[in-house]
Protein backbone atom coordinates (compact mmCIF):
# COMPACT_ATOMS: atom_id res chain seq x y z
CA MET A 1 -15.22 41.55 42.73
CA ASP A 2 -11.67 41.42 44.01
CA LYS A 3 -9.75 38.17 44.09
CA VAL A 4 -6.58 36.91 45.71
CA LEU A 5 -4.82 34.35 43.52
CA ILE A 6 -2.40 31.52 44.15
CA SER A 7 -1.13 29.81 41.03
CA GLN A 8 0.49 26.39 40.80
CA LEU A 9 1.18 25.83 44.47
CA SER A 10 3.30 22.67 44.28
CA VAL A 11 2.63 20.12 47.01
CA ALA A 12 4.47 16.79 47.22
CA THR A 13 2.22 14.29 48.95
CA VAL A 14 0.98 10.72 49.02
CA ILE A 15 -1.98 10.69 46.62
CA GLY A 16 -3.65 7.94 44.65
CA ILE A 17 -5.74 4.80 44.66
CA TYR A 18 -3.12 2.28 43.59
CA GLU A 19 -0.87 0.50 46.08
CA TRP A 20 2.29 1.72 44.33
CA GLU A 21 1.03 5.33 44.64
CA LYS A 22 0.63 4.90 48.39
CA GLN A 23 4.37 4.24 48.65
CA ILE A 24 5.63 7.42 46.94
CA HIS A 25 5.21 11.18 46.95
CA GLN A 26 3.70 12.82 43.88
CA ASN A 27 3.34 16.50 43.08
CA LEU A 28 0.00 18.22 42.92
CA LEU A 29 -0.43 21.71 41.51
CA ILE A 30 -3.07 23.81 43.24
CA ASP A 31 -4.61 26.97 41.79
CA LEU A 32 -6.86 29.15 43.92
CA GLU A 33 -9.07 32.13 43.23
CA MET A 34 -10.45 33.60 46.45
CA ALA A 35 -13.00 36.39 46.68
CA TRP A 36 -11.64 39.08 48.98
CA ASP A 37 -12.26 42.79 49.36
CA ASN A 38 -8.78 44.19 48.75
CA ARG A 39 -9.80 47.84 49.29
CA PRO A 40 -9.10 48.01 53.06
CA ALA A 41 -5.57 46.65 52.55
CA ALA A 42 -4.94 48.88 49.54
CA ASP A 43 -6.32 52.02 51.22
CA SER A 44 -4.32 51.52 54.42
CA ASP A 45 -1.29 49.76 52.93
CA ASP A 46 -1.63 47.55 56.01
CA TYR A 47 -0.90 43.84 55.88
CA GLN A 48 -3.45 42.99 58.59
CA HIS A 49 -6.28 43.78 56.15
CA ALA A 50 -4.91 41.53 53.42
CA LEU A 51 -5.59 37.87 52.76
CA CYS A 52 -2.08 36.51 53.18
CA TYR A 53 -1.32 34.16 50.30
CA GLU A 54 1.73 32.80 52.14
CA THR A 55 -0.35 31.83 55.18
CA VAL A 56 -3.02 30.25 52.95
CA SER A 57 -0.35 28.37 50.96
CA ASN A 58 1.34 27.05 54.09
CA ARG A 59 -1.97 25.96 55.63
CA LEU A 60 -3.09 24.12 52.50
CA THR A 61 0.28 22.40 52.15
CA ALA A 62 -0.03 21.17 55.74
CA LEU A 63 -3.62 20.05 55.14
CA ILE A 64 -2.80 18.11 51.98
CA THR A 65 0.29 16.41 53.43
CA GLU A 66 -1.00 15.54 56.91
CA LYS A 67 -2.24 12.11 55.80
CA PRO A 68 -2.51 10.13 52.56
CA ILE A 69 -5.49 10.98 50.34
CA GLU A 70 -6.75 8.81 47.50
CA LEU A 71 -8.64 11.29 45.30
CA ILE A 72 -7.83 14.74 43.97
CA GLU A 73 -11.54 15.46 44.36
CA THR A 74 -11.04 15.08 48.11
CA VAL A 75 -8.06 17.44 47.99
CA ALA A 76 -10.15 20.08 46.20
CA GLU A 77 -13.05 19.84 48.65
CA ARG A 78 -10.78 19.97 51.72
CA CYS A 79 -8.92 22.99 50.34
CA ALA A 80 -12.16 24.85 49.60
CA LYS A 81 -13.58 24.10 53.04
CA CYS A 82 -10.37 25.14 54.78
CA VAL A 83 -10.08 28.45 52.93
CA MET A 84 -13.72 29.34 53.56
CA ASP A 85 -13.81 28.23 57.21
CA GLU A 86 -10.40 29.33 58.43
CA PHE A 87 -9.85 32.48 56.36
CA ASN A 88 -13.45 33.71 56.08
CA VAL A 89 -13.38 33.68 52.29
CA PRO A 90 -16.96 33.83 50.93
CA TRP A 91 -16.18 32.19 47.56
CA VAL A 92 -13.32 30.09 46.25
CA LYS A 93 -12.37 28.32 43.04
CA VAL A 94 -9.92 25.45 43.51
CA ARG A 95 -8.15 23.61 40.73
CA VAL A 96 -6.10 20.52 41.56
CA MET A 97 -3.86 19.12 38.84
CA LYS A 98 -1.91 15.85 39.01
CA PRO A 99 0.96 15.92 36.52
CA GLY A 100 2.00 12.62 35.01
CA ALA A 101 -1.06 10.67 36.18
CA VAL A 102 -1.93 9.70 32.61
CA PRO A 103 1.07 9.05 30.35
CA SER A 104 -0.48 10.73 27.31
CA ALA A 105 -1.51 13.90 29.20
CA ALA A 106 0.62 16.59 30.81
CA ALA A 107 -1.74 16.53 33.81
CA VAL A 108 -5.25 15.61 34.88
CA GLY A 109 -7.34 17.47 37.37
CA VAL A 110 -10.54 18.79 38.85
CA GLU A 111 -11.89 22.28 39.42
CA ILE A 112 -14.59 23.27 41.90
CA GLU A 113 -16.24 26.49 43.03
CA ARG A 114 -17.74 26.85 46.48
CA GLY A 115 -19.48 29.65 48.30
CA HIS A 116 -21.25 32.76 47.10
CA LEU A 117 -20.03 35.95 45.48
């Protein structure tokens, strides 16, 4: 199975359940693994057959920042749904990390897999 990867996409957004969190921007780090048949793009060397990681990154950044979200679980689910629905990806793994959320941890996060290989 081929995959297209995006690692540590940094998105500054309003995220959190506490009132003080709703007043500031915090960074989320998003990792994606997306099932994609890379052979047509590789064989033709033609961009139109590729899953464009820049387009996916820009779309997810817009999705995450369009309105405040309380839970990183919600971020993960919305990202997975967007990638599958808008980019015709049959399977995706999404990891959302929130650095600094717990003082004694570098980051906390969730990871989900959706779709079928």
